[in-house]
Amino acid sequence: MTQERKGSVVVQGTLRDILTVIEKKIRNLEKRKTRLEQVEKDLEMGKEVGENQRAALSKKDQ
């Protein structure tokens, strides 16, 4: 394999790693959004929620 070819493989691997990190971040944000939506529903139904949940909900739009 030539040096140029090896560099291309390294770049592809690096891009794949970056995409993996981004996909994980998206998944985590989607989970957080789902949890916050559930807290909102719980509040609408009159259920009690913890102080941590209220704090997280107040930061939802940031």
N, C-alpha and C. Protein backbone atom coordinates (compact mmCIF):
# COMPACT_ATOMS: atom_id res chain seq x y z
N MET A 1 0.85 -1.18 0.00
CA MET A 1 0.00 0.00 0.00
C MET A 1 0.89 1.24 0.00
N THR A 2 0.59 2.18 -0.83
CA THR A 2 1.39 3.40 -0.89
C THR A 2 1.05 4.30 0.30
N GLN A 3 1.92 5.27 0.53
CA GLN A 3 1.70 6.21 1.64
C GLN A 3 0.38 6.96 1.46
N GLU A 4 0.09 7.35 0.21
CA GLU A 4 -1.15 8.08 -0.06
C GLU A 4 -2.36 7.23 0.30
N ARG A 5 -2.32 5.98 -0.06
CA ARG A 5 -3.43 5.07 0.22
C ARG A 5 -3.60 4.87 1.72
N LYS A 6 -2.52 4.72 2.44
CA LYS A 6 -2.59 4.55 3.89
C LYS A 6 -3.23 5.77 4.53
N GLY A 7 -2.89 6.95 4.07
CA GLY A 7 -3.47 8.18 4.60
C GLY A 7 -4.97 8.22 4.40
N SER A 8 -5.43 7.75 3.26
CA SER A 8 -6.86 7.72 2.97
C SER A 8 -7.59 6.80 3.94
N VAL A 9 -6.99 5.66 4.23
CA VAL A 9 -7.60 4.70 5.15
C VAL A 9 -7.69 5.31 6.55
N VAL A 10 -6.65 6.01 6.96
CA VAL A 10 -6.65 6.65 8.28
C VAL A 10 -7.74 7.70 8.36
N VAL A 11 -7.89 8.50 7.31
CA VAL A 11 -8.92 9.53 7.29
C VAL A 11 -10.30 8.90 7.37
N GLN A 12 -10.52 7.82 6.63
CA GLN A 12 -11.82 7.15 6.66
C GLN A 12 -12.11 6.63 8.06
N GLY A 13 -11.11 6.05 8.71
CA GLY A 13 -11.29 5.56 10.07
C GLY A 13 -11.61 6.69 11.02
N THR A 14 -10.94 7.81 10.88
CA THR A 14 -11.18 8.96 11.74
C THR A 14 -12.58 9.51 11.53
N LEU A 15 -13.01 9.62 10.30
CA LEU A 15 -14.37 10.09 10.02
C LEU A 15 -15.41 9.15 10.61
N ARG A 16 -15.15 7.87 10.54
CA ARG A 16 -16.06 6.88 11.11
C ARG A 16 -16.16 7.07 12.62
N ASP A 17 -15.02 7.33 13.26
CA ASP A 17 -15.00 7.57 14.71
C ASP A 17 -15.80 8.82 15.06
N ILE A 18 -15.63 9.86 14.27
CA ILE A 18 -16.36 11.11 14.51
C ILE A 18 -17.86 10.88 14.35
N LEU A 19 -18.26 10.16 13.32
CA LEU A 19 -19.68 9.87 13.11
C LEU A 19 -20.25 9.06 14.26
N THR A 20 -19.48 8.12 14.78
CA THR A 20 -19.93 7.31 15.91
C THR A 20 -20.20 8.19 17.13
N VAL A 21 -19.29 9.11 17.40
CA VAL A 21 -19.46 10.02 18.54
C VAL A 21 -20.71 10.88 18.36
N ILE A 22 -20.91 11.40 17.16
CA ILE A 22 -22.07 12.24 16.88
C ILE A 22 -23.36 11.44 17.03
N GLU A 23 -23.38 10.21 16.52
CA GLU A 23 -24.57 9.36 16.63
C GLU A 23 -24.91 9.09 18.10
N LYS A 24 -23.90 8.83 18.92
CA LYS A 24 -24.13 8.59 20.34
C LYS A 24 -24.69 9.83 21.01
N LYS A 25 -24.16 11.00 20.66
CA LYS A 25 -24.64 12.25 21.23
C LYS A 25 -26.10 12.49 20.86
N ILE A 26 -26.45 12.22 19.61
CA ILE A 26 -27.83 12.37 19.16
C ILE A 26 -28.74 11.43 19.95
N ARG A 27 -28.32 10.18 20.10
CA ARG A 27 -29.12 9.21 20.86
C ARG A 27 -29.34 9.69 22.29
N ASN A 28 -28.28 10.19 22.93
CA ASN A 28 -28.39 10.67 24.30
C ASN A 28 -29.33 11.86 24.40
N LEU A 29 -29.25 12.77 23.45
CA LEU A 29 -30.14 13.93 23.46
C LEU A 29 -31.60 13.52 23.24
N GLU A 30 -31.83 12.53 22.38
CA GLU A 30 -33.19 12.05 22.16
C GLU A 30 -33.75 11.41 23.42
N LYS A 31 -32.92 10.66 24.14
CA LYS A 31 -33.35 10.05 25.40
C LYS A 31 -33.69 11.13 26.42
N ARG A 32 -32.85 12.15 26.49
CA ARG A 32 -33.08 13.26 27.43
C ARG A 32 -34.40 13.96 27.10
N LYS A 33 -34.63 14.20 25.82
CA LYS A 33 -35.87 14.85 25.39
C LYS A 33 -37.08 14.02 25.80
N THR A 34 -37.00 12.72 25.61
CA THR A 34 -38.10 11.83 25.97
C THR A 34 -38.37 11.88 27.47
N ARG A 35 -37.30 11.86 28.27
CA ARG A 35 -37.46 11.92 29.73
C ARG A 35 -38.10 13.25 30.15
N LEU A 36 -37.65 14.35 29.54
CA LEU A 36 -38.21 15.65 29.89
C LEU A 36 -39.68 15.76 29.48
N GLU A 37 -40.03 15.20 28.35
CA GLU A 37 -41.43 15.20 27.92
C GLU A 37 -42.28 14.40 28.91
N GLN A 38 -41.74 13.31 29.44
CA GLN A 38 -42.47 12.52 30.42
C GLN A 38 -42.65 13.30 31.72
N VAL A 39 -41.64 14.04 32.13
CA VAL A 39 -41.76 14.88 33.33
C VAL A 39 -42.85 15.92 33.12
N GLU A 40 -42.91 16.53 31.95
CA GLU A 40 -43.96 17.51 31.65
C GLU A 40 -45.34 16.87 31.76
N LYS A 41 -45.49 15.67 31.21
CA LYS A 41 -46.78 14.96 31.29
C LYS A 41 -47.13 14.66 32.74
N ASP A 42 -46.14 14.23 33.51
CA ASP A 42 -46.38 13.93 34.92
C ASP A 42 -46.87 15.17 35.66
N LEU A 43 -46.25 16.32 35.39
CA LEU A 43 -46.67 17.57 36.03
C LEU A 43 -48.10 17.94 35.62
N GLU A 44 -48.43 17.76 34.34
CA GLU A 44 -49.78 18.06 33.86
C GLU A 44 -50.81 17.17 34.53
N MET A 45 -50.42 15.95 34.86
CA MET A 45 -51.33 15.01 35.50
C MET A 45 -51.38 15.20 37.02
N GLY A 46 -50.60 16.15 37.51
CA GLY A 46 -50.62 16.44 38.94
C GLY A 46 -49.70 15.58 39.77
N LYS A 47 -48.85 14.80 39.14
CA LYS A 47 -47.91 13.97 39.88
C LYS A 47 -46.78 14.84 40.42
N GLU A 48 -46.22 14.40 41.52
CA GLU A 48 -45.08 15.12 42.09
C GLU A 48 -43.81 14.68 41.37
N VAL A 49 -42.95 15.65 41.14
CA VAL A 49 -41.65 15.35 40.54
C VAL A 49 -40.57 15.92 41.44
N GLY A 50 -39.39 15.35 41.36
CA GLY A 50 -38.29 15.77 42.21
C GLY A 50 -37.71 17.11 41.80
N GLU A 51 -36.95 17.68 42.72
CA GLU A 51 -36.31 18.97 42.45
C GLU A 51 -35.36 18.89 41.26
N ASN A 52 -34.65 17.76 41.14
CA ASN A 52 -33.73 17.58 40.00
C ASN A 52 -34.49 17.60 38.68
N GLN A 53 -35.66 16.96 38.68
CA GLN A 53 -36.46 16.93 37.46
C GLN A 53 -36.98 18.32 37.11
N ARG A 54 -37.38 19.07 38.12
CA ARG A 54 -37.84 20.45 37.88
C ARG A 54 -36.70 21.31 37.32
N ALA A 55 -35.52 21.13 37.89
CA ALA A 55 -34.36 21.90 37.42
C ALA A 55 -34.03 21.54 35.97
N ALA A 56 -34.07 20.25 35.65
CA ALA A 56 -33.80 19.81 34.29
C ALA A 56 -34.85 20.37 33.32
N LEU A 57 -36.08 20.39 33.77
CA LEU A 57 -37.17 20.89 32.93
C LEU A 57 -37.02 22.39 32.68
N SER A 58 -36.53 23.12 33.67
CA SER A 58 -36.36 24.56 33.50
C SER A 58 -35.26 24.88 32.49
N LYS A 59 -34.35 23.93 32.26
CA LYS A 59 -33.25 24.12 31.31
C LYS A 59 -33.55 23.52 29.93
N LYS A 60 -34.75 23.03 29.76
CA LYS A 60 -35.10 22.30 28.54
C LYS A 60 -34.86 23.11 27.26
N ASP A 61 -35.20 24.36 27.25
CA ASP A 61 -35.11 25.17 26.02
C ASP A 61 -33.75 25.80 25.79
N GLN A 62 -32.80 25.50 26.63
CA GLN A 62 -31.47 26.09 26.48
C GLN A 62 -30.64 25.35 25.47
